[in-house]
All heavy atoms as atom14 arrays in JSON, in Angstrom:
{
  "sequence": "ATGNLSYQIEHHLFPDMPSRRYQEIAPQIRALFDRYGL",
  "atom14_mask": [
    [1, 1, 1, 1, 1, 0, 0, 0, 0, 0, 0, 0, 0, 0],
    [1, 1, 1, 1, 1, 1, 1, 0, 0, 0, 0, 0, 0, 0],
    [1, 1, 1, 1, 0, 0, 0, 0, 0, 0, 0, 0, 0, 0],
    [1, 1, 1, 1, 1, 1, 1, 1, 0, 0, 0, 0, 0, 0],
    [1, 1, 1, 1, 1, 1, 1, 1, 0, 0, 0, 0, 0, 0],
    [1, 1, 1, 1, 1, 1, 0, 0, 0, 0, 0, 0, 0, 0],
    [1, 1, 1, 1, 1, 1, 1, 1, 1, 1, 1, 1, 0, 0],
    [1, 1, 1, 1, 1, 1, 1, 1, 1, 0, 0, 0, 0, 0],
    [1, 1, 1, 1, 1, 1, 1, 1, 0, 0, 0, 0, 0, 0],
    [1, 1, 1, 1, 1, 1, 1, 1, 1, 0, 0, 0, 0, 0],
    [1, 1, 1, 1, 1, 1, 1, 1, 1, 1, 0, 0, 0, 0],
    [1, 1, 1, 1, 1, 1, 1, 1, 1, 1, 0, 0, 0, 0],
    [1, 1, 1, 1, 1, 1, 1, 1, 0, 0, 0, 0, 0, 0],
    [1, 1, 1, 1, 1, 1, 1, 1, 1, 1, 1, 0, 0, 0],
    [1, 1, 1, 1, 1, 1, 1, 0, 0, 0, 0, 0, 0, 0],
    [1, 1, 1, 1, 1, 1, 1, 1, 0, 0, 0, 0, 0, 0],
    [1, 1, 1, 1, 1, 1, 1, 1, 0, 0, 0, 0, 0, 0],
    [1, 1, 1, 1, 1, 1, 1, 0, 0, 0, 0, 0, 0, 0],
    [1, 1, 1, 1, 1, 1, 0, 0, 0, 0, 0, 0, 0, 0],
    [1, 1, 1, 1, 1, 1, 1, 1, 1, 1, 1, 0, 0, 0],
    [1, 1, 1, 1, 1, 1, 1, 1, 1, 1, 1, 0, 0, 0],
    [1, 1, 1, 1, 1, 1, 1, 1, 1, 1, 1, 1, 0, 0],
    [1, 1, 1, 1, 1, 1, 1, 1, 1, 0, 0, 0, 0, 0],
    [1, 1, 1, 1, 1, 1, 1, 1, 1, 0, 0, 0, 0, 0],
    [1, 1, 1, 1, 1, 1, 1, 1, 0, 0, 0, 0, 0, 0],
    [1, 1, 1, 1, 1, 0, 0, 0, 0, 0, 0, 0, 0, 0],
    [1, 1, 1, 1, 1, 1, 1, 0, 0, 0, 0, 0, 0, 0],
    [1, 1, 1, 1, 1, 1, 1, 1, 1, 0, 0, 0, 0, 0],
    [1, 1, 1, 1, 1, 1, 1, 1, 0, 0, 0, 0, 0, 0],
    [1, 1, 1, 1, 1, 1, 1, 1, 1, 1, 1, 0, 0, 0],
    [1, 1, 1, 1, 1, 0, 0, 0, 0, 0, 0, 0, 0, 0],
    [1, 1, 1, 1, 1, 1, 1, 1, 0, 0, 0, 0, 0, 0],
    [1, 1, 1, 1, 1, 1, 1, 1, 1, 1, 1, 0, 0, 0],
    [1, 1, 1, 1, 1, 1, 1, 1, 0, 0, 0, 0, 0, 0],
    [1, 1, 1, 1, 1, 1, 1, 1, 1, 1, 1, 0, 0, 0],
    [1, 1, 1, 1, 1, 1, 1, 1, 1, 1, 1, 1, 0, 0],
    [1, 1, 1, 1, 0, 0, 0, 0, 0, 0, 0, 0, 0, 0],
    [1, 1, 1, 1, 1, 1, 1, 1, 0, 0, 0, 0, 0, 0]
  ],
  "atom14_positions": [
    [[3.74, 24.67, -1.8], [4.2, 24.41, -0.43], [4.65, 22.96, -0.24], [5.49, 22.68, 0.62], [3.1, 24.75, 0.56], [0.0, 0.0, 0.0], [0.0, 0.0, 0.0], [0.0, 0.0, 0.0], [0.0, 0.0, 0.0], [0.0, 0.0, 0.0], [0.0, 0.0, 0.0], [0.0, 0.0, 0.0], [0.0, 0.0, 0.0], [0.0, 0.0, 0.0]],
    [[4.12, 22.05, -1.02], [4.55, 20.65, -0.92], [5.78, 20.37, -1.78], [6.27, 19.24, -1.8], [3.44, 19.68, -1.38], [3.21, 19.84, -2.79], [2.14, 19.9, -0.61], [0.0, 0.0, 0.0], [0.0, 0.0, 0.0], [0.0, 0.0, 0.0], [0.0, 0.0, 0.0], [0.0, 0.0, 0.0], [0.0, 0.0, 0.0], [0.0, 0.0, 0.0]],
    [[6.28, 21.4, -2.47], [7.36, 21.16, -3.42], [6.84, 20.42, -4.64], [7.6, 19.76, -5.35], [0.0, 0.0, 0.0], [0.0, 0.0, 0.0], [0.0, 0.0, 0.0], [0.0, 0.0, 0.0], [0.0, 0.0, 0.0], [0.0, 0.0, 0.0], [0.0, 0.0, 0.0], [0.0, 0.0, 0.0], [0.0, 0.0, 0.0], [0.0, 0.0, 0.0]],
    [[5.54, 20.54, -4.87], [4.83, 19.81, -5.91], [4.91, 18.31, -5.71], [4.66, 17.52, -6.63], [5.32, 20.21, -7.31], [4.66, 21.48, -7.8], [3.47, 21.51, -8.12], [5.42, 22.56, -7.83], [0.0, 0.0, 0.0], [0.0, 0.0, 0.0], [0.0, 0.0, 0.0], [0.0, 0.0, 0.0], [0.0, 0.0, 0.0], [0.0, 0.0, 0.0]],
    [[5.23, 17.89, -4.47], [5.15, 16.47, -4.12], [3.71, 16.05, -3.89], [3.44, 14.87, -3.65], [6.0, 16.17, -2.88], [7.51, 16.31, -3.07], [8.25, 15.93, -1.8], [7.99, 15.45, -4.24], [0.0, 0.0, 0.0], [0.0, 0.0, 0.0], [0.0, 0.0, 0.0], [0.0, 0.0, 0.0], [0.0, 0.0, 0.0], [0.0, 0.0, 0.0]],
    [[2.79, 17.01, -3.97], [1.37, 16.66, -4.04], [1.11, 15.91, -5.34], [0.11, 15.2, -5.46], [0.52, 17.93, -3.96], [1.06, 18.93, -4.81], [0.0, 0.0, 0.0], [0.0, 0.0, 0.0], [0.0, 0.0, 0.0], [0.0, 0.0, 0.0], [0.0, 0.0, 0.0], [0.0, 0.0, 0.0], [0.0, 0.0, 0.0], [0.0, 0.0, 0.0]],
    [[2.01, 16.08, -6.31], [2.01, 15.27, -7.54], [3.09, 14.2, -7.4], [4.01, 14.1, -8.2], [2.29, 16.15, -8.76], [1.19, 17.15, -9.04], [1.35, 18.5, -8.72], [-0.01, 16.75, -9.62], [0.36, 19.41, -8.97], [-1.02, 17.66, -9.88], [-0.84, 19.0, -9.55], [-1.83, 19.9, -9.8], [0.0, 0.0, 0.0], [0.0, 0.0, 0.0]],
    [[2.95, 13.39, -6.34], [3.96, 12.39, -6.04], [4.07, 11.33, -7.13], [5.16, 10.83, -7.43], [3.63, 11.71, -4.71], [4.7, 10.8, -4.16], [5.91, 11.55, -3.64], [6.97, 11.5, -4.25], [5.75, 12.25, -2.52], [0.0, 0.0, 0.0], [0.0, 0.0, 0.0], [0.0, 0.0, 0.0], [0.0, 0.0, 0.0], [0.0, 0.0, 0.0]],
    [[2.95, 11.0, -7.75], [2.98, 10.01, -8.84], [3.85, 10.53, -9.97], [4.75, 9.83, -10.46], [1.55, 9.71, -9.35], [0.71, 9.05, -8.25], [1.59, 8.83, -10.6], [-0.77, 8.95, -8.57], [0.0, 0.0, 0.0], [0.0, 0.0, 0.0], [0.0, 0.0, 0.0], [0.0, 0.0, 0.0], [0.0, 0.0, 0.0], [0.0, 0.0, 0.0]],
    [[3.6, 11.76, -10.37], [4.37, 12.35, -11.47], [5.84, 12.52, -11.07], [6.74, 12.33, -11.89], [3.76, 13.71, -11.85], [2.41, 13.62, -12.56], [1.24, 13.22, -11.68], [1.36, 13.33, -10.43], [0.19, 12.8, -12.21], [0.0, 0.0, 0.0], [0.0, 0.0, 0.0], [0.0, 0.0, 0.0], [0.0, 0.0, 0.0], [0.0, 0.0, 0.0]],
    [[6.07, 12.88, -9.81], [7.45, 13.04, -9.34], [8.2, 11.71, -9.36], [9.37, 11.66, -9.75], [7.47, 13.62, -7.93], [8.83, 13.67, -7.32], [9.87, 14.39, -7.86], [9.35, 13.04, -6.23], [10.96, 14.22, -7.12], [10.68, 13.4, -6.14], [0.0, 0.0, 0.0], [0.0, 0.0, 0.0], [0.0, 0.0, 0.0], [0.0, 0.0, 0.0]],
    [[7.54, 10.64, -8.94], [8.2, 9.34, -8.95], [8.47, 8.85, -10.37], [9.47, 8.16, -10.61], [7.36, 8.31, -8.19], [7.67, 8.29, -6.73], [6.87, 7.66, -5.81], [8.7, 8.82, -6.02], [7.39, 7.8, -4.61], [8.5, 8.51, -4.71], [0.0, 0.0, 0.0], [0.0, 0.0, 0.0], [0.0, 0.0, 0.0], [0.0, 0.0, 0.0]],
    [[7.63, 9.2, -11.28], [7.88, 8.84, -12.68], [9.06, 9.61, -13.24], [9.91, 9.05, -13.96], [6.63, 9.1, -13.53], [5.45, 8.15, -13.3], [4.21, 8.69, -14.01], [5.78, 6.75, -13.79], [0.0, 0.0, 0.0], [0.0, 0.0, 0.0], [0.0, 0.0, 0.0], [0.0, 0.0, 0.0], [0.0, 0.0, 0.0], [0.0, 0.0, 0.0]],
    [[9.12, 10.91, -12.92], [10.15, 11.79, -13.49], [10.78, 12.63, -12.38], [10.55, 13.84, -12.3], [9.54, 12.69, -14.55], [8.71, 11.97, -15.59], [7.36, 12.24, -15.75], [9.3, 11.02, -16.42], [6.6, 11.59, -16.71], [8.56, 10.35, -17.38], [7.2, 10.63, -17.54], [0.0, 0.0, 0.0], [0.0, 0.0, 0.0], [0.0, 0.0, 0.0]],
    [[11.61, 12.04, -11.52], [12.14, 12.78, -10.37], [13.06, 13.94, -10.73], [13.22, 14.85, -9.91], [12.9, 11.7, -9.58], [13.14, 10.59, -10.55], [12.01, 10.62, -11.5], [0.0, 0.0, 0.0], [0.0, 0.0, 0.0], [0.0, 0.0, 0.0], [0.0, 0.0, 0.0], [0.0, 0.0, 0.0], [0.0, 0.0, 0.0], [0.0, 0.0, 0.0]],
    [[13.64, 13.94, -11.92], [14.52, 15.04, -12.3], [13.85, 16.03, -13.26], [14.51, 16.89, -13.83], [15.82, 14.52, -12.92], [15.59, 13.63, -14.14], [14.42, 13.32, -14.45], [16.59, 13.25, -14.8], [0.0, 0.0, 0.0], [0.0, 0.0, 0.0], [0.0, 0.0, 0.0], [0.0, 0.0, 0.0], [0.0, 0.0, 0.0], [0.0, 0.0, 0.0]],
    [[12.54, 15.95, -13.41], [11.79, 16.92, -14.21], [11.45, 18.12, -13.32], [11.04, 17.95, -12.17], [10.5, 16.3, -14.75], [9.63, 17.26, -15.56], [8.06, 16.51, -16.09], [8.64, 15.33, -17.32], [0.0, 0.0, 0.0], [0.0, 0.0, 0.0], [0.0, 0.0, 0.0], [0.0, 0.0, 0.0], [0.0, 0.0, 0.0], [0.0, 0.0, 0.0]],
    [[11.62, 19.37, -13.8], [11.27, 20.54, -12.99], [9.86, 20.42, -12.42], [8.9, 20.14, -13.15], [11.39, 21.69, -13.98], [12.48, 21.25, -14.9], [12.25, 19.77, -15.07], [0.0, 0.0, 0.0], [0.0, 0.0, 0.0], [0.0, 0.0, 0.0], [0.0, 0.0, 0.0], [0.0, 0.0, 0.0], [0.0, 0.0, 0.0], [0.0, 0.0, 0.0]],
    [[9.74, 20.65, -11.13], [8.51, 20.37, -10.4], [7.3, 21.13, -10.93], [6.17, 20.64, -10.83], [8.71, 20.69, -8.91], [9.11, 22.05, -8.76], [0.0, 0.0, 0.0], [0.0, 0.0, 0.0], [0.0, 0.0, 0.0], [0.0, 0.0, 0.0], [0.0, 0.0, 0.0], [0.0, 0.0, 0.0], [0.0, 0.0, 0.0], [0.0, 0.0, 0.0]],
    [[7.5, 22.33, -11.46], [6.36, 23.12, -11.94], [5.66, 22.44, -13.12], [4.52, 22.78, -13.44], [6.8, 24.53, -12.35], [7.62, 24.6, -13.63], [7.96, 26.05, -13.99], [6.8, 26.81, -14.4], [6.42, 26.96, -15.66], [7.1, 26.38, -16.65], [5.37, 27.7, -15.96], [0.0, 0.0, 0.0], [0.0, 0.0, 0.0], [0.0, 0.0, 0.0]],
    [[6.3, 21.48, -13.75], [5.71, 20.79, -14.9], [4.8, 19.63, -14.5], [4.08, 19.1, -15.34], [6.82, 20.26, -15.82], [7.66, 21.35, -16.48], [6.82, 22.22, -17.4], [7.61, 23.14, -18.19], [7.61, 23.18, -19.52], [6.86, 22.34, -20.21], [8.36, 24.06, -20.17], [0.0, 0.0, 0.0], [0.0, 0.0, 0.0], [0.0, 0.0, 0.0]],
    [[4.81, 19.23, -13.22], [3.99, 18.09, -12.82], [2.5, 18.37, -12.98], [1.74, 17.5, -13.41], [4.3, 17.7, -11.36], [5.7, 17.17, -11.14], [6.36, 17.37, -9.94], [6.37, 16.46, -12.14], [7.65, 16.89, -9.73], [7.65, 15.98, -11.94], [8.29, 16.19, -10.74], [9.56, 15.7, -10.53], [0.0, 0.0, 0.0], [0.0, 0.0, 0.0]],
    [[2.09, 19.58, -12.62], [0.67, 19.92, -12.77], [0.25, 19.89, -14.24], [-0.85, 19.46, -14.57], [0.41, 21.31, -12.18], [-1.07, 21.69, -12.18], [-1.35, 22.95, -11.39], [-0.44, 23.66, -10.97], [-2.63, 23.23, -11.17], [0.0, 0.0, 0.0], [0.0, 0.0, 0.0], [0.0, 0.0, 0.0], [0.0, 0.0, 0.0], [0.0, 0.0, 0.0]],
    [[1.16, 20.28, -15.1], [0.89, 20.29, -16.54], [0.69, 18.88, -17.1], [-0.2, 18.65, -17.93], [2.06, 20.98, -17.24], [2.05, 20.91, -18.75], [3.35, 21.4, -19.34], [3.93, 22.37, -18.81], [3.81, 20.81, -20.34], [0.0, 0.0, 0.0], [0.0, 0.0, 0.0], [0.0, 0.0, 0.0], [0.0, 0.0, 0.0], [0.0, 0.0, 0.0]],
    [[1.52, 17.94, -16.65], [1.45, 16.58, -17.22], [0.48, 15.68, -16.46], [0.16, 14.59, -16.96], [2.83, 15.92, -17.27], [3.36, 15.63, -15.85], [3.81, 16.76, -18.07], [4.6, 14.77, -15.82], [0.0, 0.0, 0.0], [0.0, 0.0, 0.0], [0.0, 0.0, 0.0], [0.0, 0.0, 0.0], [0.0, 0.0, 0.0], [0.0, 0.0, 0.0]],
    [[0.0, 16.12, -15.29], [-0.86, 15.26, -14.47], [-2.09, 14.75, -15.23], [-2.43, 13.56, -15.12], [-1.28, 15.98, -13.2], [0.0, 0.0, 0.0], [0.0, 0.0, 0.0], [0.0, 0.0, 0.0], [0.0, 0.0, 0.0], [0.0, 0.0, 0.0], [0.0, 0.0, 0.0], [0.0, 0.0, 0.0], [0.0, 0.0, 0.0], [0.0, 0.0, 0.0]],
    [[-2.8, 15.58, -16.0], [-3.96, 15.05, -16.73], [-3.57, 13.94, -17.73], [-4.32, 12.99, -17.93], [-4.52, 16.27, -17.46], [-4.05, 17.44, -16.65], [-2.69, 17.05, -16.15], [0.0, 0.0, 0.0], [0.0, 0.0, 0.0], [0.0, 0.0, 0.0], [0.0, 0.0, 0.0], [0.0, 0.0, 0.0], [0.0, 0.0, 0.0], [0.0, 0.0, 0.0]],
    [[-2.4, 14.07, -18.36], [-1.95, 13.05, -19.29], [-1.59, 11.75, -18.57], [-1.87, 10.66, -19.06], [-0.73, 13.57, -20.07], [-1.03, 14.82, -20.89], [0.24, 15.45, -21.45], [0.88, 14.88, -22.33], [0.61, 16.62, -20.95], [0.0, 0.0, 0.0], [0.0, 0.0, 0.0], [0.0, 0.0, 0.0], [0.0, 0.0, 0.0], [0.0, 0.0, 0.0]],
    [[-0.99, 11.89, -17.39], [-0.66, 10.71, -16.59], [-1.94, 10.03, -16.12], [-2.07, 8.79, -16.18], [0.21, 11.09, -15.38], [1.53, 11.7, -15.84], [0.45, 9.87, -14.5], [2.39, 10.78, -16.67], [0.0, 0.0, 0.0], [0.0, 0.0, 0.0], [0.0, 0.0, 0.0], [0.0, 0.0, 0.0], [0.0, 0.0, 0.0], [0.0, 0.0, 0.0]],
    [[-2.91, 10.83, -15.7], [-4.17, 10.24, -15.23], [-4.89, 9.54, -16.38], [-5.53, 8.49, -16.17], [-5.06, 11.32, -14.62], [-6.28, 10.75, -13.92], [-6.85, 11.68, -12.9], [-7.81, 11.02, -12.04], [-8.31, 11.53, -10.93], [-7.92, 12.74, -10.54], [-9.19, 10.87, -10.2], [0.0, 0.0, 0.0], [0.0, 0.0, 0.0], [0.0, 0.0, 0.0]],
    [[-4.79, 10.09, -17.58], [-5.4, 9.45, -18.74], [-4.76, 8.08, -19.0], [-5.45, 7.13, -19.39], [-5.26, 10.35, -19.96], [0.0, 0.0, 0.0], [0.0, 0.0, 0.0], [0.0, 0.0, 0.0], [0.0, 0.0, 0.0], [0.0, 0.0, 0.0], [0.0, 0.0, 0.0], [0.0, 0.0, 0.0], [0.0, 0.0, 0.0], [0.0, 0.0, 0.0]],
    [[-3.45, 7.98, -18.78], [-2.78, 6.69, -18.92], [-3.29, 5.69, -17.88], [-3.51, 4.52, -18.18], [-1.27, 6.85, -18.76], [-0.49, 7.45, -19.94], [0.97, 7.62, -19.57], [-0.62, 6.55, -21.17], [0.0, 0.0, 0.0], [0.0, 0.0, 0.0], [0.0, 0.0, 0.0], [0.0, 0.0, 0.0], [0.0, 0.0, 0.0], [0.0, 0.0, 0.0]],
    [[-3.47, 6.15, -16.64], [-4.04, 5.29, -15.61], [-5.38, 4.75, -16.06], [-5.66, 3.54, -15.95], [-4.22, 6.08, -14.31], [-3.03, 6.08, -13.39], [-1.95, 6.91, -13.62], [-3.0, 5.27, -12.27], [-0.87, 6.92, -12.76], [-1.92, 5.26, -11.4], [-0.84, 6.1, -11.64], [0.0, 0.0, 0.0], [0.0, 0.0, 0.0], [0.0, 0.0, 0.0]],
    [[-6.24, 5.63, -16.55], [-7.58, 5.21, -16.98], [-7.5, 4.23, -18.13], [-8.23, 3.22, -18.15], [-8.4, 6.44, -17.38], [-8.72, 7.35, -16.2], [-8.63, 6.87, -15.05], [-9.03, 8.54, -16.43], [0.0, 0.0, 0.0], [0.0, 0.0, 0.0], [0.0, 0.0, 0.0], [0.0, 0.0, 0.0], [0.0, 0.0, 0.0], [0.0, 0.0, 0.0]],
    [[-6.64, 4.51, -19.09], [-6.54, 3.65, -20.28], [-6.06, 2.24, -19.94], [-6.49, 1.27, -20.54], [-5.63, 4.31, -21.32], [-5.47, 3.54, -22.62], [-5.43, 4.49, -23.81], [-4.45, 5.55, -23.63], [-3.15, 5.42, -23.93], [-2.69, 4.28, -24.41], [-2.33, 6.44, -23.78], [0.0, 0.0, 0.0], [0.0, 0.0, 0.0], [0.0, 0.0, 0.0]],
    [[-5.17, 2.16, -18.95], [-4.63, 0.86, -18.57], [-5.35, 0.23, -17.37], [-4.93, -0.8, -16.86], [-3.13, 0.97, -18.26], [-2.28, 1.14, -19.5], [-1.85, 2.41, -19.91], [-1.92, 0.05, -20.27], [-1.07, 2.57, -21.05], [-1.14, 0.2, -21.41], [-0.71, 1.46, -21.79], [0.05, 1.62, -22.94], [0.0, 0.0, 0.0], [0.0, 0.0, 0.0]],
    [[-6.44, 0.87, -16.93], [-7.25, 0.3, -15.86], [-6.58, 0.33, -14.5], [-6.8, -0.54, -13.66], [0.0, 0.0, 0.0], [0.0, 0.0, 0.0], [0.0, 0.0, 0.0], [0.0, 0.0, 0.0], [0.0, 0.0, 0.0], [0.0, 0.0, 0.0], [0.0, 0.0, 0.0], [0.0, 0.0, 0.0], [0.0, 0.0, 0.0], [0.0, 0.0, 0.0]],
    [[-5.76, 1.37, -14.24], [-5.05, 1.49, -12.97], [-5.73, 2.53, -12.09], [-6.42, 3.42, -12.57], [-3.6, 1.91, -13.23], [-2.79, 1.02, -14.18], [-1.41, 1.63, -14.44], [-2.66, -0.4, -13.63], [0.0, 0.0, 0.0], [0.0, 0.0, 0.0], [0.0, 0.0, 0.0], [0.0, 0.0, 0.0], [0.0, 0.0, 0.0], [0.0, 0.0, 0.0]]
  ]
}
């Protein structure tokens, strides 16, 4: 319902990536945040 803009971080990183893939990559993006202390 949000257009997967609930994954706004992932969308801003890859705005032209099909939205259904944001949920898939979100754990990997969050792992990067943790690794870099963000």
